[in-house]
Amino acid sequence: MENCLFCKIIGGQIPGDFVFKDDRVVAFKDIHPMAPLHVLIVPREHISSLADIIEAKAGLVAYMVTVANKLAKQNGVADRGYRLVINTGPEGGQVVQHLHMHLLGGKPLDGKLG
């Protein structure tokens, strides 16, 4: 998508601090981290939100979870615990209209992330 921030990061037009890349997804550090570990896992394919996932694409979300689990292990938070979040739509807190999953960890996470 021409004006999508995450598509521009994936395409290299905007820099990103990447921690993982493959042919299906990328993961990069959030520029406004809410925890010591705050990584965004983003599909390369532009899908606007979780609400746009159809049955044929459901495996992509599961794959995003496996990437998050791998990154949690690599960053030493898998055994202590971490949070995965997908915000969907304006009332769900989605700011960038490109499906993405937040991986948060490295501190106790209560209902407040700030």
PDB file of N, CA and C in Angstrom:
ATOM      1  N   MET A   1       0.846  -1.184   0.000  1.00  0.00           N
ATOM      2  CA  MET A   1       0.000   0.000   0.000  1.00  0.00           C
ATOM      3  C   MET A   1       0.887   1.241   0.000  1.00  0.00           C
ATOM      4  N   GLU A   2       0.545   2.144  -0.818  1.00  0.00           N
ATOM      5  CA  GLU A   2       1.352   3.333  -1.082  1.00  0.00           C
ATOM      6  C   GLU A   2       1.612   4.201   0.146  1.00  0.00           C
ATOM      7  N   ASN A   3       0.601   4.428   0.984  1.00  0.00           N
ATOM      8  CA  ASN A   3       0.746   5.336   2.123  1.00  0.00           C
ATOM      9  C   ASN A   3       0.865   4.621   3.460  1.00  0.00           C
ATOM     10  N   CYS A   4       1.053   3.324   3.454  1.00  0.00           N
ATOM     11  CA  CYS A   4       1.102   2.561   4.694  1.00  0.00           C
ATOM     12  C   CYS A   4       2.496   2.654   5.315  1.00  0.00           C
ATOM     13  N   LEU A   5       2.558   3.106   6.567  1.00  0.00           N
ATOM     14  CA  LEU A   5       3.822   3.245   7.284  1.00  0.00           C
ATOM     15  C   LEU A   5       4.587   1.923   7.330  1.00  0.00           C
ATOM     16  N   PHE A   6       3.899   0.835   7.686  1.00  0.00           N
ATOM     17  CA  PHE A   6       4.585  -0.447   7.811  1.00  0.00           C
ATOM     18  C   PHE A   6       5.036  -0.983   6.463  1.00  0.00           C
ATOM     19  N   CYS A   7       4.267  -0.752   5.416  1.00  0.00           N
ATOM     20  CA  CYS A   7       4.707  -1.158   4.072  1.00  0.00           C
ATOM     21  C   CYS A   7       5.982  -0.402   3.691  1.00  0.00           C
ATOM     22  N   LYS A   8       6.077   0.855   4.083  1.00  0.00           N
ATOM     23  CA  LYS A   8       7.280   1.647   3.797  1.00  0.00           C
ATOM     24  C   LYS A   8       8.471   1.135   4.602  1.00  0.00           C
ATOM     25  N   ILE A   9       8.246   0.722   5.838  1.00  0.00           N
ATOM     26  CA  ILE A   9       9.334   0.149   6.635  1.00  0.00           C
ATOM     27  C   ILE A   9       9.776  -1.171   6.021  1.00  0.00           C
ATOM     28  N   ILE A  10       8.819  -2.022   5.670  1.00  0.00           N
ATOM     29  CA  ILE A  10       9.133  -3.312   5.054  1.00  0.00           C
ATOM     30  C   ILE A  10       9.886  -3.107   3.742  1.00  0.00           C
ATOM     31  N   GLY A  11       9.484  -2.109   2.971  1.00  0.00           N
ATOM     32  CA  GLY A  11      10.103  -1.833   1.677  1.00  0.00           C
ATOM     33  C   GLY A  11      11.414  -1.071   1.745  1.00  0.00           C
ATOM     34  N   GLY A  12      11.801  -0.621   2.931  1.00  0.00           N
ATOM     35  CA  GLY A  12      13.065   0.074   3.086  1.00  0.00           C
ATOM     36  C   GLY A  12      13.014   1.570   2.860  1.00  0.00           C
ATOM     37  N   GLN A  13      11.839   2.140   2.591  1.00  0.00           N
ATOM     38  CA  GLN A  13      11.740   3.593   2.407  1.00  0.00           C
ATOM     39  C   GLN A  13      11.864   4.339   3.732  1.00  0.00           C
ATOM     40  N   ILE A  14      11.524   3.674   4.830  1.00  0.00           N
ATOM     41  CA  ILE A  14      11.651   4.227   6.178  1.00  0.00           C
ATOM     42  C   ILE A  14      12.471   3.217   6.975  1.00  0.00           C
ATOM     43  N   PRO A  15      13.470   3.678   7.732  1.00  0.00           N
ATOM     44  CA  PRO A  15      14.291   2.724   8.489  1.00  0.00           C
ATOM     45  C   PRO A  15      13.508   2.048   9.613  1.00  0.00           C
ATOM     46  N   GLY A  16      13.887   0.820   9.879  1.00  0.00           N
ATOM     47  CA  GLY A  16      13.322   0.067  10.992  1.00  0.00           C
ATOM     48  C   GLY A  16      14.433  -0.713  11.663  1.00  0.00           C
ATOM     49  N   ASP A  17      14.314  -0.920  12.945  1.00  0.00           N
ATOM     50  CA  ASP A  17      15.304  -1.679  13.708  1.00  0.00           C
ATOM     51  C   ASP A  17      14.848  -3.141  13.729  1.00  0.00           C
ATOM     52  N   PHE A  18      15.152  -3.857  12.650  1.00  0.00           N
ATOM     53  CA  PHE A  18      14.665  -5.216  12.449  1.00  0.00           C
ATOM     54  C   PHE A  18      15.373  -6.214  13.357  1.00  0.00           C
ATOM     55  N   VAL A  19      14.579  -7.128  13.909  1.00  0.00           N
ATOM     56  CA  VAL A  19      15.119  -8.215  14.722  1.00  0.00           C
ATOM     57  C   VAL A  19      14.826  -9.576  14.080  1.00  0.00           C
ATOM     58  N   PHE A  20      13.994  -9.586  13.039  1.00  0.00           N
ATOM     59  CA  PHE A  20      13.652 -10.826  12.342  1.00  0.00           C
ATOM     60  C   PHE A  20      13.092 -10.470  10.969  1.00  0.00           C
ATOM     61  N   LYS A  21      13.473 -11.285   9.971  1.00  0.00           N
ATOM     62  CA  LYS A  21      12.922 -11.145   8.622  1.00  0.00           C
ATOM     63  C   LYS A  21      12.867 -12.520   7.983  1.00  0.00           C
ATOM     64  N   ASP A  22      11.778 -12.813   7.303  1.00  0.00           N
ATOM     65  CA  ASP A  22      11.717 -13.957   6.406  1.00  0.00           C
ATOM     66  C   ASP A  22      10.774 -13.607   5.266  1.00  0.00           C
ATOM     67  N   ASP A  23      10.359 -14.572   4.501  1.00  0.00           N
ATOM     68  CA  ASP A  23       9.533 -14.274   3.333  1.00  0.00           C
ATOM     69  C   ASP A  23       8.078 -13.969   3.679  1.00  0.00           C
ATOM     70  N   ARG A  24       7.661 -14.227   4.929  1.00  0.00           N
ATOM     71  CA  ARG A  24       6.263 -14.003   5.318  1.00  0.00           C
ATOM     72  C   ARG A  24       6.062 -12.810   6.238  1.00  0.00           C
ATOM     73  N   VAL A  25       6.990 -12.613   7.178  1.00  0.00           N
ATOM     74  CA  VAL A  25       6.830 -11.540   8.165  1.00  0.00           C
ATOM     75  C   VAL A  25       8.167 -10.868   8.442  1.00  0.00           C
ATOM     76  N   VAL A  26       8.072  -9.701   9.032  1.00  0.00           N
ATOM     77  CA  VAL A  26       9.240  -9.014   9.584  1.00  0.00           C
ATOM     78  C   VAL A  26       8.899  -8.662  11.029  1.00  0.00           C
ATOM     79  N   ALA A  27       9.925  -8.448  11.829  1.00  0.00           N
ATOM     80  CA  ALA A  27       9.729  -7.979  13.197  1.00  0.00           C
ATOM     81  C   ALA A  27      10.748  -6.879  13.457  1.00  0.00           C
ATOM     82  N   PHE A  28      10.271  -5.815  14.064  1.00  0.00           N
ATOM     83  CA  PHE A  28      11.163  -4.687  14.376  1.00  0.00           C
ATOM     84  C   PHE A  28      10.747  -4.069  15.696  1.00  0.00           C
ATOM     85  N   LYS A  29      11.714  -3.369  16.296  1.00  0.00           N
ATOM     86  CA  LYS A  29      11.473  -2.737  17.591  1.00  0.00           C
ATOM     87  C   LYS A  29      10.498  -1.575  17.444  1.00  0.00           C
ATOM     88  N   ASP A  30       9.579  -1.482  18.391  1.00  0.00           N
ATOM     89  CA  ASP A  30       8.623  -0.378  18.419  1.00  0.00           C
ATOM     90  C   ASP A  30       9.367   0.910  18.762  1.00  0.00           C
ATOM     91  N   ILE A  31       9.033   2.001  18.080  1.00  0.00           N
ATOM     92  CA  ILE A  31       9.741   3.267  18.340  1.00  0.00           C
ATOM     93  C   ILE A  31       9.271   3.941  19.628  1.00  0.00           C
ATOM     94  N   HIS A  32       8.145   3.488  20.169  1.00  0.00           N
ATOM     95  CA  HIS A  32       7.643   3.997  21.451  1.00  0.00           C
ATOM     96  C   HIS A  32       7.389   2.800  22.368  1.00  0.00           C
ATOM     97  N   PRO A  33       8.461   2.159  22.845  1.00  0.00           N
ATOM     98  CA  PRO A  33       8.287   0.915  23.610  1.00  0.00           C
ATOM     99  C   PRO A  33       7.530   1.124  24.918  1.00  0.00           C
ATOM    100  N   MET A  34       6.656   0.165  25.208  1.00  0.00           N
ATOM    101  CA  MET A  34       5.873   0.189  26.441  1.00  0.00           C
ATOM    102  C   MET A  34       6.377  -0.852  27.437  1.00  0.00           C
ATOM    103  N   ALA A  35       7.464  -1.530  27.083  1.00  0.00           N
ATOM    104  CA  ALA A  35       8.104  -2.521  27.945  1.00  0.00           C
ATOM    105  C   ALA A  35       9.548  -2.644  27.467  1.00  0.00           C
ATOM    106  N   PRO A  36      10.426  -3.210  28.284  1.00  0.00           N
ATOM    107  CA  PRO A  36      11.819  -3.373  27.850  1.00  0.00           C
ATOM    108  C   PRO A  36      11.949  -4.125  26.518  1.00  0.00           C
ATOM    109  N   LEU A  37      11.095  -5.115  26.313  1.00  0.00           N
ATOM    110  CA  LEU A  37      11.011  -5.792  25.018  1.00  0.00           C
ATOM    111  C   LEU A  37       9.680  -5.404  24.407  1.00  0.00           C
ATOM    112  N   HIS A  38       9.723  -4.681  23.296  1.00  0.00           N
ATOM    113  CA  HIS A  38       8.503  -4.307  22.569  1.00  0.00           C
ATOM    114  C   HIS A  38       8.817  -4.386  21.085  1.00  0.00           C
ATOM    115  N   VAL A  39       8.376  -5.474  20.498  1.00  0.00           N
ATOM    116  CA  VAL A  39       8.645  -5.765  19.091  1.00  0.00           C
ATOM    117  C   VAL A  39       7.317  -5.877  18.360  1.00  0.00           C
ATOM    118  N   LEU A  40       7.278  -5.379  17.142  1.00  0.00           N
ATOM    119  CA  LEU A  40       6.112  -5.525  16.276  1.00  0.00           C
ATOM    120  C   LEU A  40       6.386  -6.629  15.260  1.00  0.00           C
ATOM    121  N   ILE A  41       5.464  -7.560  15.141  1.00  0.00           N
ATOM    122  CA  ILE A  41       5.558  -8.635  14.149  1.00  0.00           C
ATOM    123  C   ILE A  41       4.527  -8.306  13.081  1.00  0.00           C
ATOM    124  N   VAL A  42       5.009  -8.126  11.848  1.00  0.00           N
ATOM    125  CA  VAL A  42       4.188  -7.565  10.784  1.00  0.00           C
ATOM    126  C   VAL A  42       4.272  -8.444   9.538  1.00  0.00           C
ATOM    127  N   PRO A  43       3.137  -8.847   8.975  1.00  0.00           N
ATOM    128  CA  PRO A  43       3.202  -9.601   7.721  1.00  0.00           C
ATOM    129  C   PRO A  43       3.702  -8.715   6.581  1.00  0.00           C
ATOM    130  N   ARG A  44       4.457  -9.309   5.675  1.00  0.00           N
ATOM    131  CA  ARG A  44       4.915  -8.554   4.496  1.00  0.00           C
ATOM    132  C   ARG A  44       3.729  -8.159   3.619  1.00  0.00           C
ATOM    133  N   GLU A  45       2.753  -9.046   3.537  1.00  0.00           N
ATOM    134  CA  GLU A  45       1.546  -8.760   2.756  1.00  0.00           C
ATOM    135  C   GLU A  45       0.716  -7.725   3.495  1.00  0.00           C
ATOM    136  N   HIS A  46       0.231  -6.722   2.766  1.00  0.00           N
ATOM    137  CA  HIS A  46      -0.604  -5.717   3.412  1.00  0.00           C
ATOM    138  C   HIS A  46      -1.997  -6.291   3.650  1.00  0.00           C
ATOM    139  N   ILE A  47      -2.322  -6.446   4.919  1.00  0.00           N
ATOM    140  CA  ILE A  47      -3.665  -6.796   5.371  1.00  0.00           C
ATOM    141  C   ILE A  47      -4.008  -5.716   6.384  1.00  0.00           C
ATOM    142  N   SER A  48      -5.113  -5.035   6.189  1.00  0.00           N
ATOM    143  CA  SER A  48      -5.408  -3.849   6.995  1.00  0.00           C
ATOM    144  C   SER A  48      -5.568  -4.130   8.481  1.00  0.00           C
ATOM    145  N   SER A  49      -6.235  -5.223   8.834  1.00  0.00           N
ATOM    146  CA  SER A  49      -6.439  -5.509  10.248  1.00  0.00           C
ATOM    147  C   SER A  49      -6.792  -6.971  10.435  1.00  0.00           C
ATOM    148  N   LEU A  50      -6.840  -7.385  11.681  1.00  0.00           N
ATOM    149  CA  LEU A  50      -7.240  -8.744  12.020  1.00  0.00           C
ATOM    150  C   LEU A  50      -8.648  -9.027  11.505  1.00  0.00           C
ATOM    151  N   ALA A  51      -9.487  -8.003  11.454  1.00  0.00           N
ATOM    152  CA  ALA A  51     -10.855  -8.156  10.959  1.00  0.00           C
ATOM    153  C   ALA A  51     -10.890  -8.572   9.490  1.00  0.00           C
ATOM    154  N   ASP A  52      -9.795  -8.380   8.774  1.00  0.00           N
ATOM    155  CA  ASP A  52      -9.731  -8.739   7.355  1.00  0.00           C
ATOM    156  C   ASP A  52      -9.142 -10.121   7.116  1.00  0.00           C
ATOM    157  N   ILE A  53      -8.843 -10.853   8.171  1.00  0.00           N
ATOM    158  CA  ILE A  53      -8.300 -12.204   8.011  1.00  0.00           C
ATOM    159  C   ILE A  53      -9.433 -13.138   7.586  1.00  0.00           C
ATOM    160  N   ILE A  54      -9.221 -13.779   6.470  1.00  0.00           N
ATOM    161  CA  ILE A  54     -10.172 -14.778   5.985  1.00  0.00           C
ATOM    162  C   ILE A  54      -9.588 -16.157   6.269  1.00  0.00           C
ATOM    163  N   GLU A  55     -10.402 -17.186   6.125  1.00  0.00           N
ATOM    164  CA  GLU A  55      -9.970 -18.539   6.466  1.00  0.00           C
ATOM    165  C   GLU A  55      -8.669 -18.919   5.757  1.00  0.00           C
ATOM    166  N   ALA A  56      -8.513 -18.518   4.522  1.00  0.00           N
ATOM    167  CA  ALA A  56      -7.311 -18.863   3.754  1.00  0.00           C
ATOM    168  C   ALA A  56      -6.052 -18.205   4.325  1.00  0.00           C
ATOM    169  N   LYS A  57      -6.210 -17.159   5.098  1.00  0.00           N
ATOM    170  CA  LYS A  57      -5.067 -16.430   5.676  1.00  0.00           C
ATOM    171  C   LYS A  57      -4.894 -16.702   7.167  1.00  0.00           C
ATOM    172  N   ALA A  58      -5.730 -17.538   7.758  1.00  0.00           N
ATOM    173  CA  ALA A  58      -5.683 -17.773   9.204  1.00  0.00           C
ATOM    174  C   ALA A  58      -4.329 -18.321   9.648  1.00  0.00           C
ATOM    175  N   GLY A  59      -3.669 -19.092   8.802  1.00  0.00           N
ATOM    176  CA  GLY A  59      -2.358 -19.634   9.143  1.00  0.00           C
ATOM    177  C   GLY A  59      -1.309 -18.557   9.342  1.00  0.00           C
ATOM    178  N   LEU A  60      -1.495 -17.408   8.728  1.00  0.00           N
ATOM    179  CA  LEU A  60      -0.548 -16.310   8.885  1.00  0.00           C
ATOM    180  C   LEU A  60      -0.522 -15.817  10.334  1.00  0.00           C
ATOM    181  N   VAL A  61      -1.674 -15.711  10.952  1.00  0.00           N
ATOM    182  CA  VAL A  61      -1.728 -15.266  12.344  1.00  0.00           C
ATOM    183  C   VAL A  61      -1.044 -16.289  13.249  1.00  0.00           C
ATOM    184  N   ALA A  62      -1.277 -17.559  12.997  1.00  0.00           N
ATOM    185  CA  ALA A  62      -0.602 -18.610  13.776  1.00  0.00           C
ATOM    186  C   ALA A  62       0.909 -18.523  13.573  1.00  0.00           C
ATOM    187  N   TYR A  63       1.342 -18.245  12.357  1.00  0.00           N
ATOM    188  CA  TYR A  63       2.768 -18.110  12.095  1.00  0.00           C
ATOM    189  C   TYR A  63       3.349 -16.910  12.846  1.00  0.00           C
ATOM    190  N   MET A  64       2.599 -15.815  12.913  1.00  0.00           N
ATOM    191  CA  MET A  64       3.048 -14.645  13.663  1.00  0.00           C
ATOM    192  C   MET A  64       3.269 -15.005  15.131  1.00  0.00           C
ATOM    193  N   VAL A  65       2.402 -15.850  15.679  1.00  0.00           N
ATOM    194  CA  VAL A  65       2.558 -16.299  17.069  1.00  0.00           C
ATOM    195  C   VAL A  65       3.833 -17.122  17.222  1.00  0.00           C
ATOM    196  N   THR A  66       4.128 -18.001  16.262  1.00  0.00           N
ATOM    197  CA  THR A  66       5.350 -18.808  16.372  1.00  0.00           C
ATOM    198  C   THR A  66       6.591 -17.925  16.296  1.00  0.00           C
ATOM    199  N   VAL A  67       6.563 -16.880  15.485  1.00  0.00           N
ATOM    200  CA  VAL A  67       7.686 -15.937  15.423  1.00  0.00           C
ATOM    201  C   VAL A  67       7.808 -15.204  16.761  1.00  0.00           C
ATOM    202  N   ALA A  68       6.688 -14.789  17.328  1.00  0.00           N
ATOM    203  CA  ALA A  68       6.710 -14.121  18.632  1.00  0.00           C
ATOM    204  C   ALA A  68       7.303 -15.039  19.696  1.00  0.00           C
ATOM    205  N   ASN A  69       6.910 -16.306  19.695  1.00  0.00           N
ATOM    206  CA  ASN A  69       7.450 -17.261  20.668  1.00  0.00           C
ATOM    207  C   ASN A  69       8.963 -17.400  20.509  1.00  0.00           C
ATOM    208  N   LYS A  70       9.426 -17.467  19.280  1.00  0.00           N
ATOM    209  CA  LYS A  70      10.864 -17.576  19.005  1.00  0.00           C
ATOM    210  C   LYS A  70      11.604 -16.338  19.518  1.00  0.00           C
ATOM    211  N   LEU A  71      11.058 -15.158  19.259  1.00  0.00           N
ATOM    212  CA  LEU A  71      11.698 -13.919  19.703  1.00  0.00           C
ATOM    213  C   LEU A  71      11.672 -13.797  21.228  1.00  0.00           C
ATOM    214  N   ALA A  72      10.598 -14.265  21.852  1.00  0.00           N
ATOM    215  CA  ALA A  72      10.528 -14.251  23.321  1.00  0.00           C
ATOM    216  C   ALA A  72      11.636 -15.120  23.901  1.00  0.00           C
ATOM    217  N   LYS A  73      11.860 -16.280  23.313  1.00  0.00           N
ATOM    218  CA  LYS A  73      12.941 -17.159  23.782  1.00  0.00           C
ATOM    219  C   LYS A  73      14.299 -16.503  23.565  1.00  0.00           C
ATOM    220  N   GLN A  74      14.511 -15.931  22.386  1.00  0.00           N
ATOM    221  CA  GLN A  74      15.793 -15.293  22.073  1.00  0.00           C
ATOM    222  C   GLN A  74      16.090 -14.125  22.997  1.00  0.00           C
ATOM    223  N   ASN A  75      15.049 -13.475  23.484  1.00  0.00           N
ATOM    224  CA  ASN A  75      15.222 -12.290  24.338  1.00  0.00           C
ATOM    225  C   ASN A  75      15.085 -12.589  25.822  1.00  0.00           C
ATOM    226  N   GLY A  76      15.031 -13.866  26.179  1.00  0.00           N
ATOM    227  CA  GLY A  76      15.064 -14.263  27.579  1.00  0.00           C
ATOM    228  C   GLY A  76      13.806 -14.004  28.381  1.00  0.00           C
ATOM    229  N   VAL A  77      12.657 -13.845  27.716  1.00  0.00           N
ATOM    230  CA  VAL A  77      11.427 -13.594  28.466  1.00  0.00           C
ATOM    231  C   VAL A  77      10.440 -14.762  28.404  1.00  0.00           C
ATOM    232  N   ALA A  78      10.745 -15.784  27.638  1.00  0.00           N
ATOM    233  CA  ALA A  78       9.788 -16.880  27.433  1.00  0.00           C
ATOM    234  C   ALA A  78       9.410 -17.561  28.740  1.00  0.00           C
ATOM    235  N   ASP A  79      10.363 -17.818  29.602  1.00  0.00           N
ATOM    236  CA  ASP A  79      10.071 -18.517  30.848  1.00  0.00           C
ATOM    237  C   ASP A  79       9.396 -17.627  31.886  1.00  0.00           C
ATOM    238  N   ARG A  80       9.677 -16.328  31.855  1.00  0.00           N
ATOM    239  CA  ARG A  80       9.100 -15.399  32.840  1.00  0.00           C
ATOM    240  C   ARG A  80       7.703 -14.957  32.446  1.00  0.00           C
ATOM    241  N   GLY A  81       7.445 -14.904  31.146  1.00  0.00           N
ATOM    242  CA  GLY A  81       6.139 -14.494  30.649  1.00  0.00           C
ATOM    243  C   GLY A  81       6.227 -13.261  29.771  1.00  0.00           C
ATOM    244  N   TYR A  82       5.272 -13.150  28.871  1.00  0.00           N
ATOM    245  CA  TYR A  82       5.200 -12.037  27.928  1.00  0.00           C
ATOM    246  C   TYR A  82       3.772 -11.892  27.449  1.00  0.00           C
ATOM    247  N   ARG A  83       3.519 -10.825  26.755  1.00  0.00           N
ATOM    248  CA  ARG A  83       2.176 -10.528  26.256  1.00  0.00           C
ATOM    249  C   ARG A  83       2.216 -10.356  24.752  1.00  0.00           C
ATOM    250  N   LEU A  84       1.192 -10.908  24.077  1.00  0.00           N
ATOM    251  CA  LEU A  84       0.980 -10.680  22.656  1.00  0.00           C
ATOM    252  C   LEU A  84      -0.322  -9.909  22.503  1.00  0.00           C
ATOM    253  N   VAL A  85      -0.289  -8.842  21.699  1.00  0.00           N
ATOM    254  CA  VAL A  85      -1.454  -7.987  21.520  1.00  0.00           C
ATOM    255  C   VAL A  85      -1.641  -7.704  20.042  1.00  0.00           C
ATOM    256  N   ILE A  86      -2.890  -7.848  19.576  1.00  0.00           N
ATOM    257  CA  ILE A  86      -3.262  -7.381  18.242  1.00  0.00           C
ATOM    258  C   ILE A  86      -4.430  -6.418  18.426  1.00  0.00           C
ATOM    259  N   ASN A  87      -4.176  -5.144  18.199  1.00  0.00           N
ATOM    260  CA  ASN A  87      -5.235  -4.138  18.267  1.00  0.00           C
ATOM    261  C   ASN A  87      -5.970  -4.143  16.928  1.00  0.00           C
ATOM    262  N   THR A  88      -7.299  -4.062  16.980  1.00  0.00           N
ATOM    263  CA  THR A  88      -8.097  -4.143  15.765  1.00  0.00           C
ATOM    264  C   THR A  88      -9.112  -3.015  15.728  1.00  0.00           C
ATOM    265  N   GLY A  89      -9.001  -2.167  14.721  1.00  0.00           N
ATOM    266  CA  GLY A  89      -9.942  -1.072  14.537  1.00  0.00           C
ATOM    267  C   GLY A  89      -9.695   0.087  15.492  1.00  0.00           C
ATOM    268  N   PRO A  90     -10.366   1.205  15.223  1.00  0.00           N
ATOM    269  CA  PRO A  90     -10.127   2.421  16.008  1.00  0.00           C
ATOM    270  C   PRO A  90     -10.457   2.270  17.491  1.00  0.00           C
ATOM    271  N   GLU A  91     -11.534   1.615  17.844  1.00  0.00           N
ATOM    272  CA  GLU A  91     -11.870   1.451  19.260  1.00  0.00           C
ATOM    273  C   GLU A  91     -11.028   0.374  19.927  1.00  0.00           C
ATOM    274  N   GLY A  92     -10.365  -0.452  19.119  1.00  0.00           N
ATOM    275  CA  GLY A  92      -9.466  -1.460  19.657  1.00  0.00           C
ATOM    276  C   GLY A  92      -8.046  -0.948  19.819  1.00  0.00           C
ATOM    277  N   GLY A  93      -7.818   0.313  19.459  1.00  0.00           N
ATOM    278  CA  GLY A  93      -6.507   0.920  19.630  1.00  0.00           C
ATOM    279  C   GLY A  93      -5.566   0.770  18.459  1.00  0.00           C
ATOM    280  N   GLN A  94      -6.068   0.304  17.307  1.00  0.00           N
ATOM    281  CA  GLN A  94      -5.188   0.149  16.140  1.00  0.00           C
ATOM    282  C   GLN A  94      -4.879   1.521  15.553  1.00  0.00           C
ATOM    283  N   VAL A  95      -3.582   1.844  15.483  1.00  0.00           N
ATOM    284  CA  VAL A  95      -3.149   3.146  14.983  1.00  0.00           C
ATOM    285  C   VAL A  95      -2.699   3.040  13.533  1.00  0.00           C
ATOM    286  N   VAL A  96      -1.926   2.019  13.204  1.00  0.00           N
ATOM    287  CA  VAL A  96      -1.457   1.806  11.828  1.00  0.00           C
ATOM    288  C   VAL A  96      -2.353   0.752  11.193  1.00  0.00           C
ATOM    289  N   GLN A  97      -2.895   1.074  10.040  1.00  0.00           N
ATOM    290  CA  GLN A  97      -3.834   0.183   9.370  1.00  0.00           C
ATOM    291  C   GLN A  97      -3.112  -0.884   8.549  1.00  0.00           C
ATOM    292  N   HIS A  98      -2.328  -1.680   9.247  1.00  0.00           N
ATOM    293  CA  HIS A  98      -1.624  -2.844   8.695  1.00  0.00           C
ATOM    294  C   HIS A  98      -1.560  -3.829   9.847  1.00  0.00           C
ATOM    295  N   LEU A  99      -2.071  -5.021   9.647  1.00  0.00           N
ATOM    296  CA  LEU A  99      -2.067  -6.031  10.700  1.00  0.00           C
ATOM    297  C   LEU A  99      -0.687  -6.129  11.335  1.00  0.00           C
ATOM    298  N   HIS A 100      -0.648  -6.137  12.654  1.00  0.00           N
ATOM    299  CA  HIS A 100       0.614  -6.306  13.378  1.00  0.00           C
ATOM    300  C   HIS A 100       0.336  -6.799  14.787  1.00  0.00           C
ATOM    301  N   MET A 101       1.305  -7.514  15.318  1.00  0.00           N
ATOM    302  CA  MET A 101       1.223  -8.074  16.661  1.00  0.00           C
ATOM    303  C   MET A 101       2.321  -7.462  17.507  1.00  0.00           C
ATOM    304  N   HIS A 102       1.970  -7.037  18.710  1.00  0.00           N
ATOM    305  CA  HIS A 102       2.943  -6.512  19.661  1.00  0.00           C
ATOM    306  C   HIS A 102       3.416  -7.660  20.545  1.00  0.00           C
ATOM    307  N   LEU A 103       4.713  -7.796  20.693  1.00  0.00           N
ATOM    308  CA  LEU A 103       5.324  -8.698  21.662  1.00  0.00           C
ATOM    309  C   LEU A 103       5.918  -7.820  22.752  1.00  0.00           C
ATOM    310  N   LEU A 104       5.410  -7.979  23.977  1.00  0.00           N
ATOM    311  CA  LEU A 104       5.850  -7.162  25.107  1.00  0.00           C
ATOM    312  C   LEU A 104       6.345  -8.065  26.219  1.00  0.00           C
ATOM    313  N   GLY A 105       7.462  -7.690  26.819  1.00  0.00           N
ATOM    314  CA  GLY A 105       7.993  -8.457  27.937  1.00  0.00           C
ATOM    315  C   GLY A 105       9.155  -7.759  28.597  1.00  0.00           C
ATOM    316  N   GLY A 106       9.704  -8.422  29.588  1.00  0.00           N
ATOM    317  CA  GLY A 106      10.871  -7.881  30.276  1.00  0.00           C
ATOM    318  C   GLY A 106      10.553  -7.142  31.551  1.00  0.00           C
ATOM    319  N   LYS A 107       9.273  -7.091  31.914  1.00  0.00           N
ATOM    320  CA  LYS A 107       8.853  -6.510  33.187  1.00  0.00           C
ATOM    321  C   LYS A 107       7.465  -7.077  33.495  1.00  0.00           C
ATOM    322  N   PRO A 108       7.041  -7.024  34.752  1.00  0.00           N
ATOM    323  CA  PRO A 108       5.675  -7.454  35.053  1.00  0.00           C
ATOM    324  C   PRO A 108       4.675  -6.564  34.309  1.00  0.00           C
ATOM    325  N   LEU A 109       3.733  -7.187  33.642  1.00  0.00           N
ATOM    326  CA  LEU A 109       2.759  -6.445  32.854  1.00  0.00           C
ATOM    327  C   LEU A 109       1.387  -6.548  33.526  1.00  0.00           C
ATOM    328  N   ASP A 110       0.934  -5.424  34.080  1.00  0.00           N
ATOM    329  CA  ASP A 110      -0.412  -5.397  34.619  1.00  0.00           C
ATOM    330  C   ASP A 110      -1.325  -4.828  33.543  1.00  0.00           C
ATOM    331  N   GLY A 111      -2.449  -4.318  33.900  1.00  0.00           N
ATOM    332  CA  GLY A 111      -3.361  -3.736  32.923  1.00  0.00           C
ATOM    333  C   GLY A 111      -2.839  -2.465  32.287  1.00  0.00           C
ATOM    334  N   LYS A 112      -1.856  -1.842  32.923  1.00  0.00           N
ATOM    335  CA  LYS A 112      -1.272  -0.606  32.404  1.00  0.00           C
ATOM    336  C   LYS A 112       0.104  -0.936  31.844  1.00  0.00           C
ATOM    337  N   LEU A 113       0.370  -0.460  30.631  1.00  0.00           N
ATOM    338  CA  LEU A 113       1.651  -0.767  29.988  1.00  0.00           C
ATOM    339  C   LEU A 113       2.618   0.400  30.029  1.00  0.00           C
ATOM    340  N   GLY A 114       2.198   1.548  30.448  1.00  0.00           N
ATOM    341  CA  GLY A 114       3.078   2.713  30.418  1.00  0.00           C
ATOM    342  C   GLY A 114       4.144   2.709  31.459  1.00  0.00           C
TER     343      GLY A 114
END
